[in-house]
Amino acid sequence: MSKTAKKKKPTADEIAEMAMSGKDISRYFTNKGGMRPPVKRVNVDFTLDMLKELDALAKELNISRQAVIKTYLRQALDQHYIARQTQG
């Protein structure tokens, strides 16, 4: 059995530090990923009862409240667009 230690992959912060110090970091990029659109933060007011429901669902699904909101909002928007297509 070889006693050669495996090289650990650097973290994103470590790669950023290498770039800041002028080192070549091109080997860490595969160009296989896609660009993500920027995220815009918004504030939404919910009733206490709705928050309790969201939190209960998040706990049941073992995901964050934000993930529940995003998932259900995406589903509602998709259903809206599908309904529009069948009407027109």
PDB file of N, CA and C in Angstrom:
ATOM      1  N   MET A   1       0.840  -1.183   0.000  1.00  0.00           N
ATOM      2  CA  MET A   1       0.000   0.000   0.000  1.00  0.00           C
ATOM      3  C   MET A   1       0.878   1.236   0.000  1.00  0.00           C
ATOM      4  N   SER A   2       0.554   2.167  -0.843  1.00  0.00           N
ATOM      5  CA  SER A   2       1.341   3.384  -0.970  1.00  0.00           C
ATOM      6  C   SER A   2       1.059   4.322   0.192  1.00  0.00           C
ATOM      7  N   LYS A   3       2.088   4.965   0.669  1.00  0.00           N
ATOM      8  CA  LYS A   3       1.931   5.924   1.757  1.00  0.00           C
ATOM      9  C   LYS A   3       1.887   7.355   1.225  1.00  0.00           C
ATOM     10  N   THR A   4       1.710   7.495  -0.070  1.00  0.00           N
ATOM     11  CA  THR A   4       1.637   8.825  -0.669  1.00  0.00           C
ATOM     12  C   THR A   4       0.314   9.473  -0.279  1.00  0.00           C
ATOM     13  N   ALA A   5       0.409  10.649   0.260  1.00  0.00           N
ATOM     14  CA  ALA A   5      -0.803  11.362   0.682  1.00  0.00           C
ATOM     15  C   ALA A   5      -1.503  11.945  -0.541  1.00  0.00           C
ATOM     16  N   LYS A   6      -2.831  11.846  -0.539  1.00  0.00           N
ATOM     17  CA  LYS A   6      -3.610  12.452  -1.618  1.00  0.00           C
ATOM     18  C   LYS A   6      -3.621  13.961  -1.422  1.00  0.00           C
ATOM     19  N   LYS A   7      -3.518  14.672  -2.532  1.00  0.00           N
ATOM     20  CA  LYS A   7      -3.606  16.123  -2.446  1.00  0.00           C
ATOM     21  C   LYS A   7      -5.067  16.500  -2.257  1.00  0.00           C
ATOM     22  N   LYS A   8      -5.325  17.317  -1.252  1.00  0.00           N
ATOM     23  CA  LYS A   8      -6.707  17.767  -1.046  1.00  0.00           C
ATOM     24  C   LYS A   8      -6.991  18.938  -1.977  1.00  0.00           C
ATOM     25  N   LYS A   9      -8.252  19.000  -2.416  1.00  0.00           N
ATOM     26  CA  LYS A   9      -8.640  20.092  -3.295  1.00  0.00           C
ATOM     27  C   LYS A   9      -8.762  21.365  -2.467  1.00  0.00           C
ATOM     28  N   PRO A  10      -8.275  22.475  -2.995  1.00  0.00           N
ATOM     29  CA  PRO A  10      -8.378  23.735  -2.238  1.00  0.00           C
ATOM     30  C   PRO A  10      -9.826  24.231  -2.195  1.00  0.00           C
ATOM     31  N   THR A  11     -10.142  24.961  -1.156  1.00  0.00           N
ATOM     32  CA  THR A  11     -11.473  25.561  -1.031  1.00  0.00           C
ATOM     33  C   THR A  11     -11.561  26.758  -1.968  1.00  0.00           C
ATOM     34  N   ALA A  12     -12.765  27.258  -2.146  1.00  0.00           N
ATOM     35  CA  ALA A  12     -12.961  28.439  -2.991  1.00  0.00           C
ATOM     36  C   ALA A  12     -12.171  29.624  -2.442  1.00  0.00           C
ATOM     37  N   ASP A  13     -12.145  29.748  -1.113  1.00  0.00           N
ATOM     38  CA  ASP A  13     -11.382  30.855  -0.508  1.00  0.00           C
ATOM     39  C   ASP A  13      -9.889  30.704  -0.788  1.00  0.00           C
ATOM     40  N   GLU A  14      -9.398  29.485  -0.729  1.00  0.00           N
ATOM     41  CA  GLU A  14      -7.974  29.254  -0.999  1.00  0.00           C
ATOM     42  C   GLU A  14      -7.638  29.557  -2.457  1.00  0.00           C
ATOM     43  N   ILE A  15      -8.545  29.180  -3.366  1.00  0.00           N
ATOM     44  CA  ILE A  15      -8.338  29.494  -4.781  1.00  0.00           C
ATOM     45  C   ILE A  15      -8.353  31.005  -4.987  1.00  0.00           C
ATOM     46  N   ALA A  16      -9.270  31.690  -4.316  1.00  0.00           N
ATOM     47  CA  ALA A  16      -9.332  33.154  -4.419  1.00  0.00           C
ATOM     48  C   ALA A  16      -8.039  33.787  -3.923  1.00  0.00           C
ATOM     49  N   GLU A  17      -7.495  33.265  -2.845  1.00  0.00           N
ATOM     50  CA  GLU A  17      -6.232  33.786  -2.312  1.00  0.00           C
ATOM     51  C   GLU A  17      -5.095  33.571  -3.307  1.00  0.00           C
ATOM     52  N   MET A  18      -5.076  32.390  -3.949  1.00  0.00           N
ATOM     53  CA  MET A  18      -4.043  32.122  -4.959  1.00  0.00           C
ATOM     54  C   MET A  18      -4.154  33.121  -6.108  1.00  0.00           C
ATOM     55  N   ALA A  19      -5.404  33.395  -6.543  1.00  0.00           N
ATOM     56  CA  ALA A  19      -5.614  34.350  -7.639  1.00  0.00           C
ATOM     57  C   ALA A  19      -5.153  35.740  -7.235  1.00  0.00           C
ATOM     58  N   MET A  20      -5.463  36.124  -5.999  1.00  0.00           N
ATOM     59  CA  MET A  20      -5.073  37.455  -5.512  1.00  0.00           C
ATOM     60  C   MET A  20      -3.554  37.602  -5.462  1.00  0.00           C
ATOM     61  N   SER A  21      -2.861  36.483  -5.229  1.00  0.00           N
ATOM     62  CA  SER A  21      -1.398  36.564  -5.157  1.00  0.00           C
ATOM     63  C   SER A  21      -0.754  36.365  -6.526  1.00  0.00           C
ATOM     64  N   GLY A  22      -1.591  36.262  -7.584  1.00  0.00           N
ATOM     65  CA  GLY A  22      -1.064  36.199  -8.944  1.00  0.00           C
ATOM     66  C   GLY A  22      -0.764  34.805  -9.454  1.00  0.00           C
ATOM     67  N   LYS A  23      -1.144  33.779  -8.717  1.00  0.00           N
ATOM     68  CA  LYS A  23      -0.884  32.409  -9.166  1.00  0.00           C
ATOM     69  C   LYS A  23      -1.894  31.997 -10.230  1.00  0.00           C
ATOM     70  N   ASP A  24      -1.487  31.058 -11.092  1.00  0.00           N
ATOM     71  CA  ASP A  24      -2.361  30.537 -12.139  1.00  0.00           C
ATOM     72  C   ASP A  24      -3.358  29.569 -11.516  1.00  0.00           C
ATOM     73  N   ILE A  25      -4.637  29.881 -11.631  1.00  0.00           N
ATOM     74  CA  ILE A  25      -5.685  29.028 -11.052  1.00  0.00           C
ATOM     75  C   ILE A  25      -6.556  28.386 -12.139  1.00  0.00           C
ATOM     76  N   SER A  26      -6.132  28.466 -13.388  1.00  0.00           N
ATOM     77  CA  SER A  26      -6.942  27.969 -14.503  1.00  0.00           C
ATOM     78  C   SER A  26      -7.225  26.471 -14.400  1.00  0.00           C
ATOM     79  N   ARG A  27      -6.371  25.714 -13.749  1.00  0.00           N
ATOM     80  CA  ARG A  27      -6.598  24.262 -13.654  1.00  0.00           C
ATOM     81  C   ARG A  27      -7.820  23.920 -12.802  1.00  0.00           C
ATOM     82  N   TYR A  28      -8.317  24.873 -12.025  1.00  0.00           N
ATOM     83  CA  TYR A  28      -9.482  24.619 -11.175  1.00  0.00           C
ATOM     84  C   TYR A  28     -10.801  24.885 -11.901  1.00  0.00           C
ATOM     85  N   PHE A  29     -10.732  25.333 -13.146  1.00  0.00           N
ATOM     86  CA  PHE A  29     -11.940  25.653 -13.898  1.00  0.00           C
ATOM     87  C   PHE A  29     -12.061  24.734 -15.103  1.00  0.00           C
ATOM     88  N   THR A  30     -13.231  24.115 -15.245  1.00  0.00           N
ATOM     89  CA  THR A  30     -13.453  23.152 -16.328  1.00  0.00           C
ATOM     90  C   THR A  30     -14.268  23.728 -17.471  1.00  0.00           C
ATOM     91  N   ASN A  31     -14.878  24.884 -17.263  1.00  0.00           N
ATOM     92  CA  ASN A  31     -15.767  25.503 -18.254  1.00  0.00           C
ATOM     93  C   ASN A  31     -16.968  24.616 -18.571  1.00  0.00           C
ATOM     94  N   LYS A  32     -17.341  23.745 -17.653  1.00  0.00           N
ATOM     95  CA  LYS A  32     -18.505  22.883 -17.836  1.00  0.00           C
ATOM     96  C   LYS A  32     -19.732  23.445 -17.128  1.00  0.00           C
ATOM     97  N   GLY A  33     -19.548  24.424 -16.274  1.00  0.00           N
ATOM     98  CA  GLY A  33     -20.664  25.001 -15.530  1.00  0.00           C
ATOM     99  C   GLY A  33     -21.360  26.084 -16.341  1.00  0.00           C
ATOM    100  N   GLY A  34     -22.519  26.453 -15.871  1.00  0.00           N
ATOM    101  CA  GLY A  34     -23.266  27.517 -16.539  1.00  0.00           C
ATOM    102  C   GLY A  34     -23.306  28.766 -15.681  1.00  0.00           C
ATOM    103  N   MET A  35     -23.593  29.859 -16.327  1.00  0.00           N
ATOM    104  CA  MET A  35     -23.715  31.114 -15.592  1.00  0.00           C
ATOM    105  C   MET A  35     -25.067  31.144 -14.890  1.00  0.00           C
ATOM    106  N   ARG A  36     -25.084  31.601 -13.679  1.00  0.00           N
ATOM    107  CA  ARG A  36     -26.322  31.740 -12.921  1.00  0.00           C
ATOM    108  C   ARG A  36     -26.745  33.198 -12.950  1.00  0.00           C
ATOM    109  N   PRO A  37     -28.045  33.425 -13.112  1.00  0.00           N
ATOM    110  CA  PRO A  37     -28.494  34.821 -13.085  1.00  0.00           C
ATOM    111  C   PRO A  37     -28.306  35.401 -11.687  1.00  0.00           C
ATOM    112  N   PRO A  38     -28.130  36.715 -11.599  1.00  0.00           N
ATOM    113  CA  PRO A  38     -27.942  37.320 -10.277  1.00  0.00           C
ATOM    114  C   PRO A  38     -29.196  37.158  -9.414  1.00  0.00           C
ATOM    115  N   VAL A  39     -29.002  37.110  -8.113  1.00  0.00           N
ATOM    116  CA  VAL A  39     -30.097  36.965  -7.166  1.00  0.00           C
ATOM    117  C   VAL A  39     -30.474  38.337  -6.638  1.00  0.00           C
ATOM    118  N   LYS A  40     -31.744  38.599  -6.577  1.00  0.00           N
ATOM    119  CA  LYS A  40     -32.254  39.856  -6.035  1.00  0.00           C
ATOM    120  C   LYS A  40     -33.008  39.550  -4.759  1.00  0.00           C
ATOM    121  N   ARG A  41     -32.606  40.151  -3.665  1.00  0.00           N
ATOM    122  CA  ARG A  41     -33.285  39.938  -2.384  1.00  0.00           C
ATOM    123  C   ARG A  41     -34.557  40.760  -2.323  1.00  0.00           C
ATOM    124  N   VAL A  42     -35.598  40.156  -1.764  1.00  0.00           N
ATOM    125  CA  VAL A  42     -36.861  40.857  -1.573  1.00  0.00           C
ATOM    126  C   VAL A  42     -37.382  40.551  -0.172  1.00  0.00           C
ATOM    127  N   ASN A  43     -38.210  41.414   0.327  1.00  0.00           N
ATOM    128  CA  ASN A  43     -38.871  41.189   1.610  1.00  0.00           C
ATOM    129  C   ASN A  43     -40.325  40.858   1.348  1.00  0.00           C
ATOM    130  N   VAL A  44     -40.823  39.844   2.004  1.00  0.00           N
ATOM    131  CA  VAL A  44     -42.219  39.438   1.870  1.00  0.00           C
ATOM    132  C   VAL A  44     -42.795  39.300   3.269  1.00  0.00           C
ATOM    133  N   ASP A  45     -43.973  39.857   3.477  1.00  0.00           N
ATOM    134  CA  ASP A  45     -44.641  39.750   4.769  1.00  0.00           C
ATOM    135  C   ASP A  45     -45.600  38.566   4.748  1.00  0.00           C
ATOM    136  N   PHE A  46     -45.539  37.743   5.783  1.00  0.00           N
ATOM    137  CA  PHE A  46     -46.422  36.591   5.936  1.00  0.00           C
ATOM    138  C   PHE A  46     -47.148  36.714   7.266  1.00  0.00           C
ATOM    139  N   THR A  47     -48.358  36.169   7.319  1.00  0.00           N
ATOM    140  CA  THR A  47     -49.047  36.105   8.603  1.00  0.00           C
ATOM    141  C   THR A  47     -48.349  35.066   9.469  1.00  0.00           C
ATOM    142  N   LEU A  48     -48.552  35.165  10.767  1.00  0.00           N
ATOM    143  CA  LEU A  48     -47.940  34.214  11.685  1.00  0.00           C
ATOM    144  C   LEU A  48     -48.420  32.793  11.397  1.00  0.00           C
ATOM    145  N   ASP A  49     -49.701  32.647  11.084  1.00  0.00           N
ATOM    146  CA  ASP A  49     -50.229  31.321  10.764  1.00  0.00           C
ATOM    147  C   ASP A  49     -49.552  30.730   9.525  1.00  0.00           C
ATOM    148  N   MET A  50     -49.350  31.557   8.514  1.00  0.00           N
ATOM    149  CA  MET A  50     -48.700  31.069   7.296  1.00  0.00           C
ATOM    150  C   MET A  50     -47.253  30.680   7.587  1.00  0.00           C
ATOM    151  N   LEU A  51     -46.564  31.464   8.409  1.00  0.00           N
ATOM    152  CA  LEU A  51     -45.185  31.120   8.773  1.00  0.00           C
ATOM    153  C   LEU A  51     -45.127  29.792   9.509  1.00  0.00           C
ATOM    154  N   LYS A  52     -46.090  29.558  10.386  1.00  0.00           N
ATOM    155  CA  LYS A  52     -46.137  28.280  11.103  1.00  0.00           C
ATOM    156  C   LYS A  52     -46.323  27.127  10.121  1.00  0.00           C
ATOM    157  N   GLU A  53     -47.209  27.332   9.133  1.00  0.00           N
ATOM    158  CA  GLU A  53     -47.418  26.290   8.121  1.00  0.00           C
ATOM    159  C   GLU A  53     -46.150  26.049   7.308  1.00  0.00           C
ATOM    160  N   LEU A  54     -45.505  27.134   6.902  1.00  0.00           N
ATOM    161  CA  LEU A  54     -44.268  27.001   6.134  1.00  0.00           C
ATOM    162  C   LEU A  54     -43.188  26.293   6.935  1.00  0.00           C
ATOM    163  N   ASP A  55     -43.061  26.662   8.199  1.00  0.00           N
ATOM    164  CA  ASP A  55     -42.054  26.027   9.052  1.00  0.00           C
ATOM    165  C   ASP A  55     -42.349  24.547   9.270  1.00  0.00           C
ATOM    166  N   ALA A  56     -43.628  24.204   9.443  1.00  0.00           N
ATOM    167  CA  ALA A  56     -44.002  22.797   9.626  1.00  0.00           C
ATOM    168  C   ALA A  56     -43.675  21.996   8.368  1.00  0.00           C
ATOM    169  N   LEU A  57     -43.978  22.566   7.217  1.00  0.00           N
ATOM    170  CA  LEU A  57     -43.683  21.891   5.958  1.00  0.00           C
ATOM    171  C   LEU A  57     -42.177  21.760   5.748  1.00  0.00           C
ATOM    172  N   ALA A  58     -41.450  22.811   6.070  1.00  0.00           N
ATOM    173  CA  ALA A  58     -39.991  22.766   5.939  1.00  0.00           C
ATOM    174  C   ALA A  58     -39.404  21.669   6.824  1.00  0.00           C
ATOM    175  N   LYS A  59     -39.920  21.556   8.026  1.00  0.00           N
ATOM    176  CA  LYS A  59     -39.430  20.523   8.937  1.00  0.00           C
ATOM    177  C   LYS A  59     -39.766  19.136   8.398  1.00  0.00           C
ATOM    178  N   GLU A  60     -40.986  18.980   7.888  1.00  0.00           N
ATOM    179  CA  GLU A  60     -41.416  17.693   7.332  1.00  0.00           C
ATOM    180  C   GLU A  60     -40.554  17.279   6.139  1.00  0.00           C
ATOM    181  N   LEU A  61     -40.207  18.249   5.296  1.00  0.00           N
ATOM    182  CA  LEU A  61     -39.407  17.976   4.099  1.00  0.00           C
ATOM    183  C   LEU A  61     -37.905  18.035   4.369  1.00  0.00           C
ATOM    184  N   ASN A  62     -37.547  18.468   5.576  1.00  0.00           N
ATOM    185  CA  ASN A  62     -36.148  18.601   5.979  1.00  0.00           C
ATOM    186  C   ASN A  62     -35.385  19.564   5.053  1.00  0.00           C
ATOM    187  N   ILE A  63     -36.024  20.694   4.767  1.00  0.00           N
ATOM    188  CA  ILE A  63     -35.404  21.748   3.978  1.00  0.00           C
ATOM    189  C   ILE A  63     -35.685  23.086   4.667  1.00  0.00           C
ATOM    190  N   SER A  64     -35.077  24.132   4.198  1.00  0.00           N
ATOM    191  CA  SER A  64     -35.262  25.443   4.812  1.00  0.00           C
ATOM    192  C   SER A  64     -36.604  26.049   4.426  1.00  0.00           C
ATOM    193  N   ARG A  65     -37.047  27.003   5.217  1.00  0.00           N
ATOM    194  CA  ARG A  65     -38.272  27.747   4.902  1.00  0.00           C
ATOM    195  C   ARG A  65     -38.126  28.415   3.537  1.00  0.00           C
ATOM    196  N   GLN A  66     -36.978  28.984   3.271  1.00  0.00           N
ATOM    197  CA  GLN A  66     -36.751  29.658   1.996  1.00  0.00           C
ATOM    198  C   GLN A  66     -36.889  28.677   0.836  1.00  0.00           C
ATOM    199  N   ALA A  67     -36.378  27.466   0.999  1.00  0.00           N
ATOM    200  CA  ALA A  67     -36.497  26.459  -0.058  1.00  0.00           C
ATOM    201  C   ALA A  67     -37.954  26.087  -0.302  1.00  0.00           C
ATOM    202  N   VAL A  68     -38.747  25.999   0.764  1.00  0.00           N
ATOM    203  CA  VAL A  68     -40.179  25.711   0.615  1.00  0.00           C
ATOM    204  C   VAL A  68     -40.840  26.825  -0.188  1.00  0.00           C
ATOM    205  N   ILE A  69     -40.572  28.061   0.180  1.00  0.00           N
ATOM    206  CA  ILE A  69     -41.193  29.207  -0.496  1.00  0.00           C
ATOM    207  C   ILE A  69     -40.814  29.224  -1.970  1.00  0.00           C
ATOM    208  N   LYS A  70     -39.535  29.044  -2.269  1.00  0.00           N
ATOM    209  CA  LYS A  70     -39.079  29.070  -3.657  1.00  0.00           C
ATOM    210  C   LYS A  70     -39.689  27.927  -4.465  1.00  0.00           C
ATOM    211  N   THR A  71     -39.744  26.744  -3.878  1.00  0.00           N
ATOM    212  CA  THR A  71     -40.275  25.579  -4.582  1.00  0.00           C
ATOM    213  C   THR A  71     -41.747  25.757  -4.913  1.00  0.00           C
ATOM    214  N   TYR A  72     -42.529  26.165  -3.918  1.00  0.00           N
ATOM    215  CA  TYR A  72     -43.964  26.317  -4.144  1.00  0.00           C
ATOM    216  C   TYR A  72     -44.275  27.509  -5.048  1.00  0.00           C
ATOM    217  N   LEU A  73     -43.504  28.554  -4.955  1.00  0.00           N
ATOM    218  CA  LEU A  73     -43.705  29.685  -5.842  1.00  0.00           C
ATOM    219  C   LEU A  73     -43.388  29.299  -7.285  1.00  0.00           C
ATOM    220  N   ARG A  74     -42.316  28.535  -7.483  1.00  0.00           N
ATOM    221  CA  ARG A  74     -41.964  28.069  -8.832  1.00  0.00           C
ATOM    222  C   ARG A  74     -43.084  27.205  -9.413  1.00  0.00           C
ATOM    223  N   GLN A  75     -43.629  26.296  -8.578  1.00  0.00           N
ATOM    224  CA  GLN A  75     -44.721  25.439  -9.028  1.00  0.00           C
ATOM    225  C   GLN A  75     -45.944  26.267  -9.406  1.00  0.00           C
ATOM    226  N   ALA A  76     -46.260  27.270  -8.601  1.00  0.00           N
ATOM    227  CA  ALA A  76     -47.424  28.116  -8.878  1.00  0.00           C
ATOM    228  C   ALA A  76     -47.224  28.899 -10.178  1.00  0.00           C
ATOM    229  N   LEU A  77     -46.036  29.429 -10.393  1.00  0.00           N
ATOM    230  CA  LEU A  77     -45.766  30.152 -11.636  1.00  0.00           C
ATOM    231  C   LEU A  77     -45.858  29.226 -12.847  1.00  0.00           C
ATOM    232  N   ASP A  78     -45.301  28.026 -12.717  1.00  0.00           N
ATOM    233  CA  ASP A  78     -45.381  27.057 -13.818  1.00  0.00           C
ATOM    234  C   ASP A  78     -46.834  26.717 -14.138  1.00  0.00           C
ATOM    235  N   GLN A  79     -47.642  26.488 -13.113  1.00  0.00           N
ATOM    236  CA  GLN A  79     -49.059  26.177 -13.322  1.00  0.00           C
ATOM    237  C   GLN A  79     -49.771  27.353 -13.997  1.00  0.00           C
ATOM    238  N   HIS A  80     -49.429  28.556 -13.610  1.00  0.00           N
ATOM    239  CA  HIS A  80     -50.018  29.759 -14.219  1.00  0.00           C
ATOM    240  C   HIS A  80     -49.706  29.802 -15.711  1.00  0.00           C
ATOM    241  N   TYR A  81     -48.447  29.571 -16.079  1.00  0.00           N
ATOM    242  CA  TYR A  81     -48.058  29.641 -17.485  1.00  0.00           C
ATOM    243  C   TYR A  81     -48.695  28.517 -18.292  1.00  0.00           C
ATOM    244  N   ILE A  82     -48.812  27.341 -17.701  1.00  0.00           N
ATOM    245  CA  ILE A  82     -49.468  26.223 -18.389  1.00  0.00           C
ATOM    246  C   ILE A  82     -50.937  26.542 -18.631  1.00  0.00           C
ATOM    247  N   ALA A  83     -51.605  27.112 -17.623  1.00  0.00           N
ATOM    248  CA  ALA A  83     -53.013  27.480 -17.758  1.00  0.00           C
ATOM    249  C   ALA A  83     -53.196  28.535 -18.848  1.00  0.00           C
ATOM    250  N   ARG A  84     -52.287  29.479 -18.938  1.00  0.00           N
ATOM    251  CA  ARG A  84     -52.354  30.518 -19.976  1.00  0.00           C
ATOM    252  C   ARG A  84     -52.223  29.916 -21.368  1.00  0.00           C
ATOM    253  N   GLN A  85     -51.336  28.930 -21.509  1.00  0.00           N
ATOM    254  CA  GLN A  85     -51.111  28.314 -22.820  1.00  0.00           C
ATOM    255  C   GLN A  85     -52.340  27.544 -23.270  1.00  0.00           C
ATOM    256  N   THR A  86     -53.033  26.877 -22.354  1.00  0.00           N
ATOM    257  CA  THR A  86     -54.192  26.095 -22.735  1.00  0.00           C
ATOM    258  C   THR A  86     -55.394  26.983 -23.021  1.00  0.00           C
ATOM    259  N   GLN A  87     -55.405  28.212 -22.495  1.00  0.00           N
ATOM    260  CA  GLN A  87     -56.513  29.135 -22.745  1.00  0.00           C
ATOM    261  C   GLN A  87     -56.389  29.820 -24.107  1.00  0.00           C
ATOM    262  N   GLY A  88     -55.199  30.040 -24.527  1.00  0.00           N
ATOM    263  CA  GLY A  88     -55.015  30.884 -25.684  1.00  0.00           C
ATOM    264  C   GLY A  88     -54.563  30.178 -26.877  1.00  0.00           C
TER     265      GLY A  88
END
